[in-house]
Amino acid sequence: LEQGDYALSINKTAHEKYQSVTVNVPQTIWYDNDNPRQSDKDG
C-alpha cells in the first residue's frame, strides 16, 4: 500500500464519475509473510 494520495470515487459506471474524495496514505506498508493483510489471514 504505497504512500500517497488515492482518489476514491462513487461512479455511475467505470467511466462516469459522480464525485470523489482523496484518501492519503502517509507511509508505504508492505504486506508480506511477516505482515500479512487481514484478507490473507482470513483466507
PDB file of all heavy atoms in Angstrom:
ATOM      1  N   LEU A   1       0.898  -1.151   0.000  1.00  0.00           N
ATOM      2  CA  LEU A   1       0.000   0.000   0.000  1.00  0.00           C
ATOM      3  C   LEU A   1       0.932   1.195   0.000  1.00  0.00           C
ATOM      4  O   LEU A   1       1.545   1.524   1.013  1.00  0.00           O
ATOM      5  CB  LEU A   1      -0.912  -0.012   1.230  1.00  0.00           C
ATOM      6  CG  LEU A   1      -1.923   1.118   1.305  1.00  0.00           C
ATOM      7  CD1 LEU A   1      -2.901   1.054   0.134  1.00  0.00           C
ATOM      8  CD2 LEU A   1      -2.685   1.049   2.622  1.00  0.00           C
ATOM      9  N   GLU A   2       1.073   1.784  -1.168  1.00  0.00           N
ATOM     10  CA  GLU A   2       2.090   2.809  -1.349  1.00  0.00           C
ATOM     11  C   GLU A   2       1.656   4.161  -0.806  1.00  0.00           C
ATOM     12  O   GLU A   2       0.498   4.550  -0.906  1.00  0.00           O
ATOM     13  CB  GLU A   2       2.398   2.936  -2.844  1.00  0.00           C
ATOM     14  CG  GLU A   2       3.691   3.628  -3.120  1.00  0.00           C
ATOM     15  CD  GLU A   2       4.156   3.413  -4.551  1.00  0.00           C
ATOM     16  OE1 GLU A   2       3.472   2.736  -5.331  1.00  0.00           O
ATOM     17  OE2 GLU A   2       5.211   3.954  -4.876  1.00  0.00           O
ATOM     18  N   GLN A   3       2.607   4.845  -0.231  1.00  0.00           N
ATOM     19  CA  GLN A   3       2.391   6.200   0.279  1.00  0.00           C
ATOM     20  C   GLN A   3       1.880   7.086  -0.840  1.00  0.00           C
ATOM     21  O   GLN A   3       2.312   6.984  -1.985  1.00  0.00           O
ATOM     22  CB  GLN A   3       3.708   6.753   0.811  1.00  0.00           C
ATOM     23  CG  GLN A   3       3.650   8.186   1.243  1.00  0.00           C
ATOM     24  CD  GLN A   3       5.013   8.698   1.699  1.00  0.00           C
ATOM     25  OE1 GLN A   3       5.971   7.957   1.809  1.00  0.00           O
ATOM     26  NE2 GLN A   3       5.084   9.978   1.960  1.00  0.00           N
ATOM     27  N   GLY A   4       0.923   7.961  -0.499  1.00  0.00           N
ATOM     28  CA  GLY A   4       0.448   8.916  -1.487  1.00  0.00           C
ATOM     29  C   GLY A   4      -1.053   9.105  -1.419  1.00  0.00           C
ATOM     30  O   GLY A   4      -1.727   8.614  -0.513  1.00  0.00           O
ATOM     31  N   ASP A   5      -1.558   9.847  -2.399  1.00  0.00           N
ATOM     32  CA  ASP A   5      -2.981  10.157  -2.470  1.00  0.00           C
ATOM     33  C   ASP A   5      -3.701   9.182  -3.400  1.00  0.00           C
ATOM     34  O   ASP A   5      -3.290   8.990  -4.545  1.00  0.00           O
ATOM     35  CB  ASP A   5      -3.195  11.579  -2.986  1.00  0.00           C
ATOM     36  CG  ASP A   5      -2.780  12.634  -1.979  1.00  0.00           C
ATOM     37  OD1 ASP A   5      -2.775  12.328  -0.769  1.00  0.00           O
ATOM     38  OD2 ASP A   5      -2.463  13.761  -2.403  1.00  0.00           O
ATOM     39  N   TYR A   6      -4.777   8.595  -2.889  1.00  0.00           N
ATOM     40  CA  TYR A   6      -5.636   7.691  -3.638  1.00  0.00           C
ATOM     41  C   TYR A   6      -6.967   8.411  -3.852  1.00  0.00           C
ATOM     42  O   TYR A   6      -7.545   8.930  -2.901  1.00  0.00           O
ATOM     43  CB  TYR A   6      -5.891   6.404  -2.859  1.00  0.00           C
ATOM     44  CG  TYR A   6      -4.678   5.517  -2.722  1.00  0.00           C
ATOM     45  CD1 TYR A   6      -3.592   5.880  -1.937  1.00  0.00           C
ATOM     46  CD2 TYR A   6      -4.622   4.295  -3.381  1.00  0.00           C
ATOM     47  CE1 TYR A   6      -2.479   5.069  -1.814  1.00  0.00           C
ATOM     48  CE2 TYR A   6      -3.521   3.470  -3.259  1.00  0.00           C
ATOM     49  CZ  TYR A   6      -2.450   3.854  -2.478  1.00  0.00           C
ATOM     50  OH  TYR A   6      -1.344   3.050  -2.365  1.00  0.00           O
ATOM     51  N   ALA A   7      -7.437   8.443  -5.081  1.00  0.00           N
ATOM     52  CA  ALA A   7      -8.759   9.016  -5.361  1.00  0.00           C
ATOM     53  C   ALA A   7      -9.782   7.907  -5.146  1.00  0.00           C
ATOM     54  O   ALA A   7      -9.682   6.833  -5.732  1.00  0.00           O
ATOM     55  CB  ALA A   7      -8.821   9.536  -6.787  1.00  0.00           C
ATOM     56  N   LEU A   8     -10.745   8.156  -4.277  1.00  0.00           N
ATOM     57  CA  LEU A   8     -11.836   7.227  -4.007  1.00  0.00           C
ATOM     58  C   LEU A   8     -13.090   7.897  -4.540  1.00  0.00           C
ATOM     59  O   LEU A   8     -13.402   9.024  -4.161  1.00  0.00           O
ATOM     60  CB  LEU A   8     -11.935   6.993  -2.502  1.00  0.00           C
ATOM     61  CG  LEU A   8     -12.631   5.751  -1.997  1.00  0.00           C
ATOM     62  CD1 LEU A   8     -11.948   4.495  -2.505  1.00  0.00           C
ATOM     63  CD2 LEU A   8     -12.647   5.742  -0.478  1.00  0.00           C
ATOM     64  N   SER A   9     -13.793   7.230  -5.459  1.00  0.00           N
ATOM     65  CA  SER A   9     -14.934   7.885  -6.100  1.00  0.00           C
ATOM     66  C   SER A   9     -16.165   6.989  -6.121  1.00  0.00           C
ATOM     67  O   SER A   9     -16.059   5.772  -6.048  1.00  0.00           O
ATOM     68  CB  SER A   9     -14.578   8.289  -7.534  1.00  0.00           C
ATOM     69  OG  SER A   9     -14.298   7.153  -8.327  1.00  0.00           O
ATOM     70  N   ILE A  10     -17.316   7.657  -6.199  1.00  0.00           N
ATOM     71  CA  ILE A  10     -18.553   6.948  -6.493  1.00  0.00           C
ATOM     72  C   ILE A  10     -18.858   7.239  -7.952  1.00  0.00           C
ATOM     73  O   ILE A  10     -18.751   8.374  -8.400  1.00  0.00           O
ATOM     74  CB  ILE A  10     -19.715   7.359  -5.554  1.00  0.00           C
ATOM     75  CG1 ILE A  10     -19.934   8.871  -5.545  1.00  0.00           C
ATOM     76  CG2 ILE A  10     -19.480   6.819  -4.146  1.00  0.00           C
ATOM     77  CD1 ILE A  10     -21.192   9.316  -4.821  1.00  0.00           C
ATOM     78  N   ASN A  11     -19.178   6.188  -8.685  1.00  0.00           N
ATOM     79  CA  ASN A  11     -19.357   6.317 -10.125  1.00  0.00           C
ATOM     80  C   ASN A  11     -20.688   5.736 -10.564  1.00  0.00           C
ATOM     81  O   ASN A  11     -21.185   4.781  -9.963  1.00  0.00           O
ATOM     82  CB  ASN A  11     -18.258   5.551 -10.875  1.00  0.00           C
ATOM     83  CG  ASN A  11     -16.891   6.152 -10.739  1.00  0.00           C
ATOM     84  OD1 ASN A  11     -16.587   6.838  -9.780  1.00  0.00           O
ATOM     85  ND2 ASN A  11     -16.035   5.864 -11.700  1.00  0.00           N
ATOM     86  N   LYS A  12     -21.189   6.264 -11.668  1.00  0.00           N
ATOM     87  CA  LYS A  12     -22.357   5.688 -12.340  1.00  0.00           C
ATOM     88  C   LYS A  12     -21.916   4.449 -13.121  1.00  0.00           C
ATOM     89  O   LYS A  12     -22.586   3.429 -13.135  1.00  0.00           O
ATOM     90  CB  LYS A  12     -22.979   6.722 -13.269  1.00  0.00           C
ATOM     91  CG  LYS A  12     -24.243   6.269 -13.942  1.00  0.00           C
ATOM     92  CD  LYS A  12     -24.893   7.400 -14.716  1.00  0.00           C
ATOM     93  CE  LYS A  12     -26.226   6.962 -15.278  1.00  0.00           C
ATOM     94  NZ  LYS A  12     -26.950   8.084 -15.868  1.00  0.00           N
ATOM     95  N   THR A  13     -20.761   4.566 -13.780  1.00  0.00           N
ATOM     96  CA  THR A  13     -20.106   3.463 -14.477  1.00  0.00           C
ATOM     97  C   THR A  13     -18.610   3.617 -14.227  1.00  0.00           C
ATOM     98  O   THR A  13     -18.179   4.597 -13.612  1.00  0.00           O
ATOM     99  CB  THR A  13     -20.358   3.501 -16.004  1.00  0.00           C
ATOM    100  OG1 THR A  13     -19.658   4.629 -16.552  1.00  0.00           O
ATOM    101  CG2 THR A  13     -21.843   3.605 -16.336  1.00  0.00           C
ATOM    102  N   ALA A  14     -17.828   2.699 -14.762  1.00  0.00           N
ATOM    103  CA  ALA A  14     -16.375   2.800 -14.591  1.00  0.00           C
ATOM    104  C   ALA A  14     -15.816   4.092 -15.173  1.00  0.00           C
ATOM    105  O   ALA A  14     -14.761   4.564 -14.756  1.00  0.00           O
ATOM    106  CB  ALA A  14     -15.685   1.599 -15.247  1.00  0.00           C
ATOM    107  N   HIS A  15     -16.562   4.710 -16.105  1.00  0.00           N
ATOM    108  CA  HIS A  15     -16.066   5.914 -16.775  1.00  0.00           C
ATOM    109  C   HIS A  15     -16.862   7.169 -16.480  1.00  0.00           C
ATOM    110  O   HIS A  15     -16.512   8.243 -16.951  1.00  0.00           O
ATOM    111  CB  HIS A  15     -16.029   5.668 -18.287  1.00  0.00           C
ATOM    112  CG  HIS A  15     -15.219   4.468 -18.655  1.00  0.00           C
ATOM    113  ND1 HIS A  15     -13.853   4.418 -18.546  1.00  0.00           N
ATOM    114  CD2 HIS A  15     -15.598   3.238 -19.094  1.00  0.00           C
ATOM    115  CE1 HIS A  15     -13.414   3.233 -18.907  1.00  0.00           C
ATOM    116  NE2 HIS A  15     -14.455   2.492 -19.239  1.00  0.00           N
ATOM    117  N   GLU A  16     -17.942   7.049 -15.710  1.00  0.00           N
ATOM    118  CA  GLU A  16     -18.777   8.211 -15.381  1.00  0.00           C
ATOM    119  C   GLU A  16     -18.788   8.418 -13.869  1.00  0.00           C
ATOM    120  O   GLU A  16     -19.431   7.675 -13.144  1.00  0.00           O
ATOM    121  CB  GLU A  16     -20.214   8.002 -15.867  1.00  0.00           C
ATOM    122  CG  GLU A  16     -20.360   7.916 -17.357  1.00  0.00           C
ATOM    123  CD  GLU A  16     -21.804   7.653 -17.749  1.00  0.00           C
ATOM    124  OE1 GLU A  16     -22.615   8.603 -17.649  1.00  0.00           O
ATOM    125  OE2 GLU A  16     -22.112   6.508 -18.116  1.00  0.00           O
ATOM    126  N   LYS A  17     -18.089   9.454 -13.427  1.00  0.00           N
ATOM    127  CA  LYS A  17     -17.913   9.719 -12.002  1.00  0.00           C
ATOM    128  C   LYS A  17     -18.979  10.684 -11.494  1.00  0.00           C
ATOM    129  O   LYS A  17     -19.264  11.694 -12.115  1.00  0.00           O
ATOM    130  CB  LYS A  17     -16.527  10.314 -11.785  1.00  0.00           C
ATOM    131  CG  LYS A  17     -16.112  10.474 -10.347  1.00  0.00           C
ATOM    132  CD  LYS A  17     -14.756  11.138 -10.208  1.00  0.00           C
ATOM    133  CE  LYS A  17     -13.708  10.420 -11.002  1.00  0.00           C
ATOM    134  NZ  LYS A  17     -12.370  11.009 -10.853  1.00  0.00           N
ATOM    135  N   TYR A  18     -19.550  10.359 -10.338  1.00  0.00           N
ATOM    136  CA  TYR A  18     -20.435  11.300  -9.652  1.00  0.00           C
ATOM    137  C   TYR A  18     -19.602  12.280  -8.822  1.00  0.00           C
ATOM    138  O   TYR A  18     -19.744  13.482  -8.922  1.00  0.00           O
ATOM    139  CB  TYR A  18     -21.382  10.577  -8.691  1.00  0.00           C
ATOM    140  CG  TYR A  18     -22.536   9.846  -9.320  1.00  0.00           C
ATOM    141  CD1 TYR A  18     -22.657   8.471  -9.181  1.00  0.00           C
ATOM    142  CD2 TYR A  18     -23.531  10.525 -10.013  1.00  0.00           C
ATOM    143  CE1 TYR A  18     -23.737   7.788  -9.723  1.00  0.00           C
ATOM    144  CE2 TYR A  18     -24.613   9.849 -10.566  1.00  0.00           C
ATOM    145  CZ  TYR A  18     -24.708   8.479 -10.413  1.00  0.00           C
ATOM    146  OH  TYR A  18     -25.766   7.808 -10.959  1.00  0.00           O
ATOM    147  N   GLN A  19     -18.720  11.713  -7.974  1.00  0.00           N
ATOM    148  CA  GLN A  19     -17.985  12.550  -7.025  1.00  0.00           C
ATOM    149  C   GLN A  19     -16.801  11.749  -6.492  1.00  0.00           C
ATOM    150  O   GLN A  19     -16.823  10.518  -6.491  1.00  0.00           O
ATOM    151  CB  GLN A  19     -18.931  12.916  -5.878  1.00  0.00           C
ATOM    152  CG  GLN A  19     -18.479  14.018  -4.987  1.00  0.00           C
ATOM    153  CD  GLN A  19     -19.563  14.381  -3.965  1.00  0.00           C
ATOM    154  OE1 GLN A  19     -20.541  13.669  -3.777  1.00  0.00           O
ATOM    155  NE2 GLN A  19     -19.370  15.486  -3.300  1.00  0.00           N
ATOM    156  N   SER A  20     -15.765  12.446  -6.001  1.00  0.00           N
ATOM    157  CA  SER A  20     -14.618  11.737  -5.428  1.00  0.00           C
ATOM    158  C   SER A  20     -14.080  12.456  -4.205  1.00  0.00           C
ATOM    159  O   SER A  20     -14.355  13.642  -3.988  1.00  0.00           O
ATOM    160  CB  SER A  20     -13.513  11.561  -6.472  1.00  0.00           C
ATOM    161  OG  SER A  20     -12.953  12.800  -6.824  1.00  0.00           O
ATOM    162  N   VAL A  21     -13.325  11.707  -3.417  1.00  0.00           N
ATOM    163  CA  VAL A  21     -12.606  12.238  -2.263  1.00  0.00           C
ATOM    164  C   VAL A  21     -11.176  11.709  -2.350  1.00  0.00           C
ATOM    165  O   VAL A  21     -10.908  10.724  -3.033  1.00  0.00           O
ATOM    166  CB  VAL A  21     -13.248  11.808  -0.921  1.00  0.00           C
ATOM    167  CG1 VAL A  21     -14.634  12.406  -0.765  1.00  0.00           C
ATOM    168  CG2 VAL A  21     -13.293  10.302  -0.773  1.00  0.00           C
ATOM    169  N   THR A  22     -10.275  12.372  -1.659  1.00  0.00           N
ATOM    170  CA  THR A  22      -8.882  11.940  -1.627  1.00  0.00           C
ATOM    171  C   THR A  22      -8.590  11.257  -0.302  1.00  0.00           C
ATOM    172  O   THR A  22      -8.932  11.773   0.761  1.00  0.00           O
ATOM    173  CB  THR A  22      -7.939  13.141  -1.818  1.00  0.00           C
ATOM    174  OG1 THR A  22      -8.220  13.749  -3.081  1.00  0.00           O
ATOM    175  CG2 THR A  22      -6.484  12.715  -1.781  1.00  0.00           C
ATOM    176  N   VAL A  23      -7.958  10.096  -0.404  1.00  0.00           N
ATOM    177  CA  VAL A  23      -7.528   9.348   0.772  1.00  0.00           C
ATOM    178  C   VAL A  23      -6.008   9.354   0.759  1.00  0.00           C
ATOM    179  O   VAL A  23      -5.395   8.928  -0.219  1.00  0.00           O
ATOM    180  CB  VAL A  23      -8.053   7.892   0.733  1.00  0.00           C
ATOM    181  CG1 VAL A  23      -7.495   7.077   1.881  1.00  0.00           C
ATOM    182  CG2 VAL A  23      -9.569   7.880   0.719  1.00  0.00           C
ATOM    183  N   ASN A  24      -5.403   9.860   1.827  1.00  0.00           N
ATOM    184  CA  ASN A  24      -3.945   9.911   1.893  1.00  0.00           C
ATOM    185  C   ASN A  24      -3.426   8.757   2.732  1.00  0.00           C
ATOM    186  O   ASN A  24      -3.885   8.530   3.854  1.00  0.00           O
ATOM    187  CB  ASN A  24      -3.455  11.234   2.476  1.00  0.00           C
ATOM    188  CG  ASN A  24      -1.948  11.280   2.521  1.00  0.00           C
ATOM    189  OD1 ASN A  24      -1.328  10.924   3.519  1.00  0.00           O
ATOM    190  ND2 ASN A  24      -1.344  11.692   1.423  1.00  0.00           N
ATOM    191  N   VAL A  25      -2.461   8.037   2.170  1.00  0.00           N
ATOM    192  CA  VAL A  25      -1.733   7.002   2.898  1.00  0.00           C
ATOM    193  C   VAL A  25      -0.395   7.630   3.267  1.00  0.00           C
ATOM    194  O   VAL A  25       0.408   7.934   2.379  1.00  0.00           O
ATOM    195  CB  VAL A  25      -1.558   5.731   2.046  1.00  0.00           C
ATOM    196  CG1 VAL A  25      -0.674   4.722   2.751  1.00  0.00           C
ATOM    197  CG2 VAL A  25      -2.920   5.135   1.705  1.00  0.00           C
ATOM    198  N   PRO A  26      -0.135   7.866   4.568  1.00  0.00           N
ATOM    199  CA  PRO A  26       1.049   8.630   4.964  1.00  0.00           C
ATOM    200  C   PRO A  26       2.378   7.902   4.797  1.00  0.00           C
ATOM    201  O   PRO A  26       3.408   8.549   4.651  1.00  0.00           O
ATOM    202  CB  PRO A  26       0.790   8.955   6.442  1.00  0.00           C
ATOM    203  CG  PRO A  26      -0.198   7.946   6.896  1.00  0.00           C
ATOM    204  CD  PRO A  26      -0.993   7.545   5.703  1.00  0.00           C
ATOM    205  N   GLN A  27       2.370   6.574   4.801  1.00  0.00           N
ATOM    206  CA  GLN A  27       3.622   5.844   4.607  1.00  0.00           C
ATOM    207  C   GLN A  27       3.331   4.513   3.924  1.00  0.00           C
ATOM    208  O   GLN A  27       2.251   3.952   4.069  1.00  0.00           O
ATOM    209  CB  GLN A  27       4.344   5.606   5.923  1.00  0.00           C
ATOM    210  CG  GLN A  27       3.600   4.703   6.897  1.00  0.00           C
ATOM    211  CD  GLN A  27       4.339   4.557   8.217  1.00  0.00           C
ATOM    212  OE1 GLN A  27       5.025   5.472   8.650  1.00  0.00           O
ATOM    213  NE2 GLN A  27       4.198   3.419   8.835  1.00  0.00           N
ATOM    214  N   THR A  28       4.306   4.030   3.171  1.00  0.00           N
ATOM    215  CA  THR A  28       4.156   2.771   2.458  1.00  0.00           C
ATOM    216  C   THR A  28       4.140   1.609   3.443  1.00  0.00           C
ATOM    217  O   THR A  28       4.932   1.566   4.383  1.00  0.00           O
ATOM    218  CB  THR A  28       5.305   2.591   1.444  1.00  0.00           C
ATOM    219  OG1 THR A  28       5.213   3.650   0.480  1.00  0.00           O
ATOM    220  CG2 THR A  28       5.238   1.246   0.748  1.00  0.00           C
ATOM    221  N   ILE A  29       3.221   0.690   3.215  1.00  0.00           N
ATOM    222  CA  ILE A  29       3.109  -0.518   4.036  1.00  0.00           C
ATOM    223  C   ILE A  29       3.307  -1.726   3.136  1.00  0.00           C
ATOM    224  O   ILE A  29       2.638  -1.862   2.112  1.00  0.00           O
ATOM    225  CB  ILE A  29       1.724  -0.607   4.722  1.00  0.00           C
ATOM    226  CG1 ILE A  29       1.474   0.612   5.595  1.00  0.00           C
ATOM    227  CG2 ILE A  29       1.594  -1.896   5.522  1.00  0.00           C
ATOM    228  CD1 ILE A  29       0.037   0.739   6.088  1.00  0.00           C
ATOM    229  N   TRP A  30       4.241  -2.600   3.504  1.00  0.00           N
ATOM    230  CA  TRP A  30       4.457  -3.860   2.791  1.00  0.00           C
ATOM    231  C   TRP A  30       3.695  -4.956   3.511  1.00  0.00           C
ATOM    232  O   TRP A  30       3.793  -5.102   4.729  1.00  0.00           O
ATOM    233  CB  TRP A  30       5.942  -4.207   2.734  1.00  0.00           C
ATOM    234  CG  TRP A  30       6.689  -3.363   1.744  1.00  0.00           C
ATOM    235  CD1 TRP A  30       7.395  -2.227   2.002  1.00  0.00           C
ATOM    236  CD2 TRP A  30       6.790  -3.588   0.338  1.00  0.00           C
ATOM    237  NE1 TRP A  30       7.923  -1.728   0.839  1.00  0.00           N
ATOM    238  CE2 TRP A  30       7.575  -2.546  -0.203  1.00  0.00           C
ATOM    239  CE3 TRP A  30       6.299  -4.571  -0.529  1.00  0.00           C
ATOM    240  CZ2 TRP A  30       7.874  -2.459  -1.548  1.00  0.00           C
ATOM    241  CZ3 TRP A  30       6.594  -4.484  -1.870  1.00  0.00           C
ATOM    242  CH2 TRP A  30       7.378  -3.438  -2.374  1.00  0.00           C
ATOM    243  N   TYR A  31       2.941  -5.735   2.748  1.00  0.00           N
ATOM    244  CA  TYR A  31       2.220  -6.886   3.296  1.00  0.00           C
ATOM    245  C   TYR A  31       2.905  -8.148   2.767  1.00  0.00           C
ATOM    246  O   TYR A  31       2.705  -8.556   1.636  1.00  0.00           O
ATOM    247  CB  TYR A  31       0.755  -6.868   2.858  1.00  0.00           C
ATOM    248  CG  TYR A  31      -0.011  -5.662   3.351  1.00  0.00           C
ATOM    249  CD1 TYR A  31      -0.319  -4.619   2.491  1.00  0.00           C
ATOM    250  CD2 TYR A  31      -0.434  -5.579   4.676  1.00  0.00           C
ATOM    251  CE1 TYR A  31      -1.037  -3.512   2.940  1.00  0.00           C
ATOM    252  CE2 TYR A  31      -1.137  -4.471   5.131  1.00  0.00           C
ATOM    253  CZ  TYR A  31      -1.436  -3.454   4.253  1.00  0.00           C
ATOM    254  OH  TYR A  31      -2.139  -2.368   4.697  1.00  0.00           O
ATOM    255  N   ASP A  32       3.744  -8.735   3.629  1.00  0.00           N
ATOM    256  CA  ASP A  32       4.462  -9.953   3.260  1.00  0.00           C
ATOM    257  C   ASP A  32       4.171 -11.022   4.310  1.00  0.00           C
ATOM    258  O   ASP A  32       3.215 -10.891   5.080  1.00  0.00           O
ATOM    259  CB  ASP A  32       5.969  -9.674   3.115  1.00  0.00           C
ATOM    260  CG  ASP A  32       6.576  -9.045   4.376  1.00  0.00           C
ATOM    261  OD1 ASP A  32       5.958  -9.119   5.462  1.00  0.00           O
ATOM    262  OD2 ASP A  32       7.674  -8.474   4.268  1.00  0.00           O
ATOM    263  N   ASN A  33       4.966 -12.061   4.362  1.00  0.00           N
ATOM    264  CA  ASN A  33       4.725 -13.139   5.333  1.00  0.00           C
ATOM    265  C   ASN A  33       4.870 -12.667   6.779  1.00  0.00           C
ATOM    266  O   ASN A  33       4.253 -13.235   7.679  1.00  0.00           O
ATOM    267  CB  ASN A  33       5.647 -14.325   5.055  1.00  0.00           C
ATOM    268  CG  ASN A  33       5.317 -14.993   3.734  1.00  0.00           C
ATOM    269  OD1 ASN A  33       4.180 -14.922   3.271  1.00  0.00           O
ATOM    270  ND2 ASN A  33       6.300 -15.619   3.104  1.00  0.00           N
ATOM    271  N   ASP A  34       5.675 -11.637   7.017  1.00  0.00           N
ATOM    272  CA  ASP A  34       5.834 -11.082   8.362  1.00  0.00           C
ATOM    273  C   ASP A  34       4.691 -10.139   8.734  1.00  0.00           C
ATOM    274  O   ASP A  34       4.441  -9.909   9.911  1.00  0.00           O
ATOM    275  CB  ASP A  34       7.161 -10.321   8.484  1.00  0.00           C
ATOM    276  CG  ASP A  34       8.366 -11.237   8.338  1.00  0.00           C
ATOM    277  OD1 ASP A  34       8.257 -12.424   8.702  1.00  0.00           O
ATOM    278  OD2 ASP A  34       9.411 -10.757   7.846  1.00  0.00           O
ATOM    279  N   ASN A  35       4.037  -9.578   7.733  1.00  0.00           N
ATOM    280  CA  ASN A  35       2.947  -8.623   7.952  1.00  0.00           C
ATOM    281  C   ASN A  35       1.847  -8.886   6.924  1.00  0.00           C
ATOM    282  O   ASN A  35       1.644  -8.101   5.996  1.00  0.00           O
ATOM    283  CB  ASN A  35       3.474  -7.186   7.823  1.00  0.00           C
ATOM    284  CG  ASN A  35       2.384  -6.151   8.049  1.00  0.00           C
ATOM    285  OD1 ASN A  35       1.512  -6.338   8.880  1.00  0.00           O
ATOM    286  ND2 ASN A  35       2.442  -5.068   7.296  1.00  0.00           N
ATOM    287  N   PRO A  36       1.103 -10.011   7.058  1.00  0.00           N
ATOM    288  CA  PRO A  36       0.067 -10.318   6.053  1.00  0.00           C
ATOM    289  C   PRO A  36      -1.150  -9.407   6.162  1.00  0.00           C
ATOM    290  O   PRO A  36      -1.470  -8.891   7.235  1.00  0.00           O
ATOM    291  CB  PRO A  36      -0.291 -11.763   6.363  1.00  0.00           C
ATOM    292  CG  PRO A  36       0.066 -11.958   7.787  1.00  0.00           C
ATOM    293  CD  PRO A  36       1.217 -11.025   8.078  1.00  0.00           C
ATOM    294  N   ARG A  37      -1.813  -9.226   5.015  1.00  0.00           N
ATOM    295  CA  ARG A  37      -3.075  -8.494   5.008  1.00  0.00           C
ATOM    296  C   ARG A  37      -4.111  -9.325   5.768  1.00  0.00           C
ATOM    297  O   ARG A  37      -4.016 -10.548   5.831  1.00  0.00           O
ATOM    298  CB  ARG A  37      -3.562  -8.255   3.577  1.00  0.00           C
ATOM    299  CG  ARG A  37      -2.650  -7.412   2.743  1.00  0.00           C
ATOM    300  CD  ARG A  37      -3.145  -7.220   1.334  1.00  0.00           C
ATOM    301  NE  ARG A  37      -3.418  -8.519   0.693  1.00  0.00           N
ATOM    302  CZ  ARG A  37      -4.176  -8.655  -0.374  1.00  0.00           C
ATOM    303  NH1 ARG A  37      -4.765  -7.616  -0.940  1.00  0.00           N
ATOM    304  NH2 ARG A  37      -4.368  -9.850  -0.902  1.00  0.00           N
ATOM    305  N   GLN A  38      -5.119  -8.679   6.318  1.00  0.00           N
ATOM    306  CA  GLN A  38      -6.168  -9.403   7.026  1.00  0.00           C
ATOM    307  C   GLN A  38      -6.871 -10.397   6.102  1.00  0.00           C
ATOM    308  O   GLN A  38      -7.202 -11.498   6.497  1.00  0.00           O
ATOM    309  CB  GLN A  38      -7.191  -8.433   7.628  1.00  0.00           C
ATOM    310  CG  GLN A  38      -8.222  -9.109   8.512  1.00  0.00           C
ATOM    311  CD  GLN A  38      -7.626  -9.808   9.717  1.00  0.00           C
ATOM    312  OE1 GLN A  38      -6.774  -9.262  10.417  1.00  0.00           O
ATOM    313  NE2 GLN A  38      -8.043 -11.049   9.960  1.00  0.00           N
ATOM    314  N   SER A  39      -7.060 -10.013   4.841  1.00  0.00           N
ATOM    315  CA  SER A  39      -7.698 -10.915   3.881  1.00  0.00           C
ATOM    316  C   SER A  39      -6.861 -12.163   3.645  1.00  0.00           C
ATOM    317  O   SER A  39      -7.397 -13.245   3.392  1.00  0.00           O
ATOM    318  CB  SER A  39      -7.995 -10.190   2.566  1.00  0.00           C
ATOM    319  OG  SER A  39      -6.807  -9.656   2.029  1.00  0.00           O
ATOM    320  N   ASP A  40      -5.537 -12.046   3.724  1.00  0.00           N
ATOM    321  CA  ASP A  40      -4.662 -13.225   3.596  1.00  0.00           C
ATOM    322  C   ASP A  40      -4.766 -14.105   4.840  1.00  0.00           C
ATOM    323  O   ASP A  40      -4.737 -15.334   4.739  1.00  0.00           O
ATOM    324  CB  ASP A  40      -3.211 -12.800   3.355  1.00  0.00           C
ATOM    325  CG  ASP A  40      -3.017 -12.118   2.011  1.00  0.00           C
ATOM    326  OD1 ASP A  40      -3.792 -12.434   1.071  1.00  0.00           O
ATOM    327  OD2 ASP A  40      -2.116 -11.280   1.898  1.00  0.00           O
ATOM    328  N   LYS A  41      -4.858 -13.494   6.002  1.00  0.00           N
ATOM    329  CA  LYS A  41      -5.035 -14.264   7.248  1.00  0.00           C
ATOM    330  C   LYS A  41      -6.359 -15.019   7.225  1.00  0.00           C
ATOM    331  O   LYS A  41      -6.433 -16.166   7.656  1.00  0.00           O
ATOM    332  CB  LYS A  41      -5.026 -13.338   8.467  1.00  0.00           C
ATOM    333  CG  LYS A  41      -3.697 -12.696   8.765  1.00  0.00           C
ATOM    334  CD  LYS A  41      -3.838 -11.768   9.965  1.00  0.00           C
ATOM    335  CE  LYS A  41      -2.689 -10.848  10.137  1.00  0.00           C
ATOM    336  NZ  LYS A  41      -2.911  -9.884  11.235  1.00  0.00           N
ATOM    337  N   ASP A  42      -7.406 -14.348   6.721  1.00  0.00           N
ATOM    338  CA  ASP A  42      -8.737 -14.956   6.697  1.00  0.00           C
ATOM    339  C   ASP A  42      -8.836 -16.080   5.670  1.00  0.00           C
ATOM    340  O   ASP A  42      -9.678 -16.958   5.813  1.00  0.00           O
ATOM    341  CB  ASP A  42      -9.816 -13.896   6.404  1.00  0.00           C
ATOM    342  CG  ASP A  42      -9.933 -12.874   7.499  1.00  0.00           C
ATOM    343  OD1 ASP A  42      -9.460 -13.123   8.621  1.00  0.00           O
ATOM    344  OD2 ASP A  42     -10.522 -11.797   7.235  1.00  0.00           O
ATOM    345  N   GLY A  43      -8.005 -16.014   4.616  1.00  0.00           N
ATOM    346  CA  GLY A  43      -8.048 -16.996   3.528  1.00  0.00           C
ATOM    347  C   GLY A  43      -7.409 -18.249   3.925  1.00  0.00           C
ATOM    348  O   GLY A  43      -7.652 -19.359   3.810  1.00  0.00           O
TER     349      GLY A  43
END
